Amino acid sequence: MKLSAYAEKLGISDKTAWRWWKEGKLDAYQTETGTVIVHEPIDGPAGIALYARVSSADQKDDLVRQLERLQTYAIAKGDTVSRIVMEVASGLNESRPKLTALLRDGSMSARLYGLCGQQVCVSGSAAQSPGWG
C-alpha cells in the first residue's frame, strides 16, 4: 500500500510515516517514480487499539496517564495491543479525525479501548462508534 494510505490507516500524519520510512522502521521500498510502498503484514491476529484524547495541547501529560490505564486494562484482559492512537481534540465538537480513521480501519480486532471519564470504555465493534465524549 502507498505510504499515504498506510499513514491514514494508522491514524498518523504523512510526515510521521515518511520519517519512519527514512529511519528504516517500515518494511517498505521506493519505486522508480518515487512512490513509497509499504508491505502489509499478513500473519498473526491484528490485536486491539487504544485511544486517548485530551482537549488541549497543555494536557498532553494526561495522554500518558490515560494510555497507562488502558494498557494495564488490556494486559489484564489478555489482549495484545497493536495500535495506540493519541489525539488532541476539543470536547466542544465531535471532530475526531484519528478516532474516525481508527474506526474505519477493518484490520483491528473487534474491540477498541478508550476512557469515558474515569471508566474504561470498550467498543463492541470497530465499525461502531463507542460514543466517547
Protein backbone atom coordinates (compact mmCIF):
# COMPACT_ATOMS: atom_id res chain seq x y z
CA MET A 1 0.00 0.00 0.00
CA LYS A 2 1.15 3.56 -0.58
CA LEU A 3 2.79 5.36 2.31
CA SER A 4 -0.04 7.91 2.50
CA ALA A 5 -2.65 5.13 2.75
CA TYR A 6 -0.53 3.45 5.44
CA ALA A 7 -0.40 6.72 7.40
CA GLU A 8 -4.16 7.15 7.14
CA LYS A 9 -4.73 3.56 8.24
CA LEU A 10 -2.60 4.08 11.35
CA GLY A 11 -4.08 7.49 12.07
CA ILE A 12 -0.71 9.24 11.82
CA SER A 13 0.43 12.14 9.69
CA ASP A 14 2.11 11.63 6.33
CA LYS A 15 5.21 13.35 7.76
CA THR A 16 5.43 10.81 10.59
CA ALA A 17 5.08 7.89 8.17
CA TRP A 18 7.75 9.45 5.92
CA ARG A 19 10.10 9.89 8.89
CA TRP A 20 9.55 6.27 9.97
CA TRP A 21 10.39 5.11 6.44
CA LYS A 22 13.54 7.25 6.31
CA GLU A 23 14.57 5.87 9.71
CA GLY A 24 14.15 2.29 8.43
CA LYS A 25 11.25 1.49 10.76
CA LEU A 26 8.93 0.32 7.98
CA ASP A 27 9.08 -2.70 5.70
CA ALA A 28 8.85 -0.57 2.57
CA TYR A 29 10.56 0.32 -0.69
CA GLN A 30 10.58 3.25 -3.10
CA THR A 31 9.59 2.82 -6.74
CA GLU A 32 11.43 4.43 -9.66
CA THR A 33 8.80 7.19 -9.68
CA GLY A 34 9.44 7.97 -6.00
CA THR A 35 6.32 6.38 -4.54
CA VAL A 36 6.95 4.61 -1.23
CA ILE A 37 5.18 1.25 -0.95
CA VAL A 38 4.70 -0.33 2.49
CA HIS A 39 4.43 -4.12 2.75
CA GLU A 40 1.37 -5.13 4.75
CA PRO A 41 1.86 -7.83 7.40
CA ILE A 42 -0.15 -10.95 6.59
CA ASP A 43 0.34 -13.13 9.64
CA GLY A 44 -1.00 -13.13 13.17
CA PRO A 45 -4.00 -11.53 14.81
CA ALA A 46 -4.40 -7.79 14.46
CA GLY A 47 -4.77 -7.10 18.16
CA ILE A 48 -6.60 -4.19 19.72
CA ALA A 49 -6.29 -0.42 19.61
CA LEU A 50 -6.06 2.01 22.49
CA TYR A 51 -7.44 5.53 22.03
CA ALA A 52 -6.72 8.51 24.27
CA ARG A 53 -7.84 12.11 23.80
CA VAL A 54 -7.31 15.40 25.58
CA SER A 55 -8.87 18.76 24.79
CA SER A 56 -5.75 20.91 24.57
CA ALA A 57 -2.03 20.64 23.97
CA ASP A 58 -1.20 21.61 27.57
CA GLN A 59 -2.89 18.37 28.72
CA LYS A 60 -0.50 16.06 26.86
CA ASP A 61 0.75 14.61 30.17
CA ASP A 62 -2.78 13.35 30.70
CA LEU A 63 -2.47 11.33 27.48
CA VAL A 64 0.35 9.34 29.04
CA ARG A 65 -1.69 8.62 32.15
CA GLN A 66 -4.72 7.61 30.08
CA LEU A 67 -2.65 5.23 27.98
CA GLU A 68 -1.07 3.66 31.06
CA ARG A 69 -4.55 2.90 32.42
CA LEU A 70 -5.70 1.49 29.11
CA GLN A 71 -2.59 -0.67 28.69
CA THR A 72 -2.99 -2.05 32.21
CA TYR A 73 -6.62 -2.90 31.45
CA ALA A 74 -5.76 -4.54 28.11
CA ILE A 75 -2.98 -6.64 29.64
CA ALA A 76 -5.30 -7.74 32.46
CA LYS A 77 -7.80 -8.88 29.81
CA GLY A 78 -5.07 -10.79 27.94
CA ASP A 79 -5.25 -8.61 24.83
CA THR A 80 -2.40 -7.74 22.50
CA VAL A 81 -2.09 -4.00 21.86
CA SER A 82 -1.17 -3.38 18.25
CA ARG A 83 -2.00 0.29 17.90
CA ILE A 84 -2.04 3.34 20.15
CA VAL A 85 -3.82 6.46 18.96
CA MET A 86 -3.48 9.78 20.76
CA GLU A 87 -5.48 12.83 19.80
CA VAL A 88 -5.73 16.44 20.88
CA ALA A 89 -9.29 17.45 20.01
CA SER A 90 -11.75 19.81 21.61
CA GLY A 91 -14.59 18.36 23.63
CA LEU A 92 -16.86 21.11 22.29
CA ASN A 93 -17.36 19.46 18.92
CA GLU A 94 -17.37 15.93 17.55
CA SER A 95 -14.41 16.29 15.20
CA ARG A 96 -12.15 13.31 15.98
CA PRO A 97 -10.22 12.57 12.77
CA LYS A 98 -7.89 9.99 14.33
CA LEU A 99 -10.71 8.14 16.06
CA THR A 100 -12.75 8.18 12.85
CA ALA A 101 -9.82 6.74 10.88
CA LEU A 102 -9.32 4.06 13.53
CA LEU A 103 -12.98 3.06 13.50
CA ARG A 104 -12.94 2.79 9.71
CA ASP A 105 -9.86 0.55 9.75
CA GLY A 106 -11.02 -3.03 9.26
CA SER A 107 -7.73 -4.66 10.30
CA MET A 108 -8.20 -4.16 14.03
CA SER A 109 -9.82 -6.56 16.48
CA ALA A 110 -13.49 -6.20 17.27
CA ARG A 111 -12.58 -4.21 20.40
CA LEU A 112 -11.30 -0.70 20.88
CA TYR A 113 -10.44 0.63 24.34
CA GLY A 114 -10.73 4.25 25.45
CA LEU A 115 -11.62 6.25 28.54
CA CYS A 116 -15.06 7.68 29.31
CA GLY A 117 -14.43 9.93 32.25
CA GLN A 118 -12.82 7.63 34.81
CA GLN A 119 -14.09 4.36 33.27
CA VAL A 120 -12.62 2.21 30.51
CA CYS A 121 -14.98 2.04 27.53
CA VAL A 122 -14.90 -0.94 25.22
CA SER A 123 -16.47 -0.69 21.80
CA GLY A 124 -18.14 -3.93 20.70
CA SER A 125 -17.16 -3.47 17.09
CA ALA A 126 -14.56 -1.40 15.31
CA ALA A 127 -17.33 -0.42 12.89
CA GLN A 128 -19.50 1.21 15.56
CA SER A 129 -18.57 4.35 17.44
CA PRO A 130 -18.25 3.78 21.18
CA GLY A 131 -19.82 7.21 21.78
CA TRP A 132 -16.95 8.66 23.77
CA GLY A 133 -17.16 12.33 24.65
